[in-house]
Amino acid sequence: MTLPINPAERSPKGDHNRRLALGMDPDDFAREAGVTTDALREYELTSPDHNHDPYVAELVGAALERLEANPPSSQRVINK
């Protein structure tokens, strides 16, 4: 279950940062989420005062949940 449950309440910039933390480029992540790279970019670049596509938000959120539960080898953790 993705959080927040309502896709309209997701934070595109937060999801962008979560994707970056996974170390995934937009093409690979978009493929994993089931959206086009253009749709992913448009979603991630949505400013807080604009509305985003809730369908894309739902797919992105679900992909983030899956990938964070089982991180890809591209994820790098650096402890200093």
C-alpha atoms as a PDB file:
ATOM      1  CA  MET A   1       0.000   0.000   0.000  1.00  0.00           C
ATOM      2  CA  THR A   2       1.496   3.333  -1.021  1.00  0.00           C
ATOM      3  CA  LEU A   3       1.446   6.278   1.327  1.00  0.00           C
ATOM      4  CA  PRO A   4      -0.316   8.597   1.187  1.00  0.00           C
ATOM      5  CA  ILE A   5      -3.188   6.439   0.016  1.00  0.00           C
ATOM      6  CA  ASN A   6      -4.751   9.291  -1.991  1.00  0.00           C
ATOM      7  CA  PRO A   7      -2.456   9.800  -5.026  1.00  0.00           C
ATOM      8  CA  ALA A   8      -3.558  13.441  -5.279  1.00  0.00           C
ATOM      9  CA  GLU A   9      -1.780  14.068  -1.963  1.00  0.00           C
ATOM     10  CA  ARG A  10       1.602  12.722  -3.072  1.00  0.00           C
ATOM     11  CA  SER A  11       4.629  15.001  -3.224  1.00  0.00           C
ATOM     12  CA  PRO A  12       6.200  14.839  -6.697  1.00  0.00           C
ATOM     13  CA  LYS A  13       9.468  16.398  -5.492  1.00  0.00           C
ATOM     14  CA  GLY A  14       9.598  13.967  -2.570  1.00  0.00           C
ATOM     15  CA  ASP A  15       9.042  11.048  -4.927  1.00  0.00           C
ATOM     16  CA  HIS A  16      11.781  12.449  -7.186  1.00  0.00           C
ATOM     17  CA  ASN A  17      14.178  12.463  -4.226  1.00  0.00           C
ATOM     18  CA  ARG A  18      13.169   8.907  -3.312  1.00  0.00           C
ATOM     19  CA  ARG A  19      13.916   7.790  -6.891  1.00  0.00           C
ATOM     20  CA  LEU A  20      17.316   9.482  -6.735  1.00  0.00           C
ATOM     21  CA  ALA A  21      18.063   7.716  -3.438  1.00  0.00           C
ATOM     22  CA  LEU A  22      17.436   4.427  -5.229  1.00  0.00           C
ATOM     23  CA  GLY A  23      20.080   5.409  -7.776  1.00  0.00           C
ATOM     24  CA  MET A  24      17.734   4.828 -10.705  1.00  0.00           C
ATOM     25  CA  ASP A  25      17.745   6.886 -13.866  1.00  0.00           C
ATOM     26  CA  PRO A  26      14.414   8.148 -15.186  1.00  0.00           C
ATOM     27  CA  ASP A  27      14.184   5.629 -18.032  1.00  0.00           C
ATOM     28  CA  ASP A  28      14.691   2.577 -15.818  1.00  0.00           C
ATOM     29  CA  PHE A  29      12.383   3.862 -13.108  1.00  0.00           C
ATOM     30  CA  ALA A  30       9.652   4.823 -15.582  1.00  0.00           C
ATOM     31  CA  ARG A  31       9.790   1.333 -17.065  1.00  0.00           C
ATOM     32  CA  GLU A  32       9.522  -0.184 -13.565  1.00  0.00           C
ATOM     33  CA  ALA A  33       6.576   2.089 -12.703  1.00  0.00           C
ATOM     34  CA  GLY A  34       4.765   1.419 -15.977  1.00  0.00           C
ATOM     35  CA  VAL A  35       4.784   5.022 -17.194  1.00  0.00           C
ATOM     36  CA  THR A  36       6.621   6.821 -19.966  1.00  0.00           C
ATOM     37  CA  THR A  37       9.790   8.723 -19.174  1.00  0.00           C
ATOM     38  CA  ASP A  38       8.044  11.924 -20.277  1.00  0.00           C
ATOM     39  CA  ALA A  39       5.163  11.286 -17.865  1.00  0.00           C
ATOM     40  CA  LEU A  40       7.626  10.616 -15.045  1.00  0.00           C
ATOM     41  CA  ARG A  41       9.562  13.800 -15.763  1.00  0.00           C
ATOM     42  CA  GLU A  42       6.371  15.855 -15.944  1.00  0.00           C
ATOM     43  CA  TYR A  43       5.216  14.381 -12.636  1.00  0.00           C
ATOM     44  CA  GLU A  44       8.534  14.935 -10.850  1.00  0.00           C
ATOM     45  CA  LEU A  45       8.766  18.525 -12.094  1.00  0.00           C
ATOM     46  CA  THR A  46       5.274  19.473 -10.900  1.00  0.00           C
ATOM     47  CA  SER A  47       5.577  22.450  -8.571  1.00  0.00           C
ATOM     48  CA  PRO A  48       3.750  22.380  -5.225  1.00  0.00           C
ATOM     49  CA  ASP A  49       1.164  24.919  -6.403  1.00  0.00           C
ATOM     50  CA  HIS A  50       0.144  22.859  -9.454  1.00  0.00           C
ATOM     51  CA  ASN A  51      -1.797  19.626  -9.794  1.00  0.00           C
ATOM     52  CA  HIS A  52      -0.171  16.408 -10.943  1.00  0.00           C
ATOM     53  CA  ASP A  53      -1.642  13.379 -12.696  1.00  0.00           C
ATOM     54  CA  PRO A  54      -2.999  11.145  -9.894  1.00  0.00           C
ATOM     55  CA  TYR A  55      -2.734   8.028 -12.074  1.00  0.00           C
ATOM     56  CA  VAL A  56       0.993   8.613 -12.630  1.00  0.00           C
ATOM     57  CA  ALA A  57       1.379   9.437  -8.923  1.00  0.00           C
ATOM     58  CA  GLU A  58      -0.232   6.127  -7.962  1.00  0.00           C
ATOM     59  CA  LEU A  59       2.036   4.123 -10.267  1.00  0.00           C
ATOM     60  CA  VAL A  60       5.158   5.983  -9.129  1.00  0.00           C
ATOM     61  CA  GLY A  61       4.236   5.520  -5.466  1.00  0.00           C
ATOM     62  CA  ALA A  62       3.669   1.794  -5.901  1.00  0.00           C
ATOM     63  CA  ALA A  63       7.000   1.403  -7.719  1.00  0.00           C
ATOM     64  CA  LEU A  64       8.812   3.313  -4.972  1.00  0.00           C
ATOM     65  CA  GLU A  65       7.276   1.079  -2.310  1.00  0.00           C
ATOM     66  CA  ARG A  66       8.308  -2.088  -4.207  1.00  0.00           C
ATOM     67  CA  LEU A  67      11.829  -0.884  -4.903  1.00  0.00           C
ATOM     68  CA  GLU A  68      12.455   0.448  -1.410  1.00  0.00           C
ATOM     69  CA  ALA A  69      11.342  -2.888   0.054  1.00  0.00           C
ATOM     70  CA  ASN A  70      13.754  -4.722  -2.260  1.00  0.00           C
ATOM     71  CA  PRO A  71      16.372  -2.139  -3.350  1.00  0.00           C
ATOM     72  CA  PRO A  72      18.019  -2.414  -6.759  1.00  0.00           C
ATOM     73  CA  SER A  73      21.783  -2.887  -6.973  1.00  0.00           C
ATOM     74  CA  SER A  74      22.026   0.710  -8.188  1.00  0.00           C
ATOM     75  CA  GLN A  75      21.223   1.989  -4.678  1.00  0.00           C
ATOM     76  CA  ARG A  76      24.334   3.194  -2.884  1.00  0.00           C
ATOM     77  CA  VAL A  77      24.475   3.762   0.852  1.00  0.00           C
ATOM     78  CA  ILE A  78      27.350   5.875   2.107  1.00  0.00           C
ATOM     79  CA  ASN A  79      27.834   6.243   5.856  1.00  0.00           C
ATOM     80  CA  LYS A  80      30.307   8.875   6.939  1.00  0.00           C
END
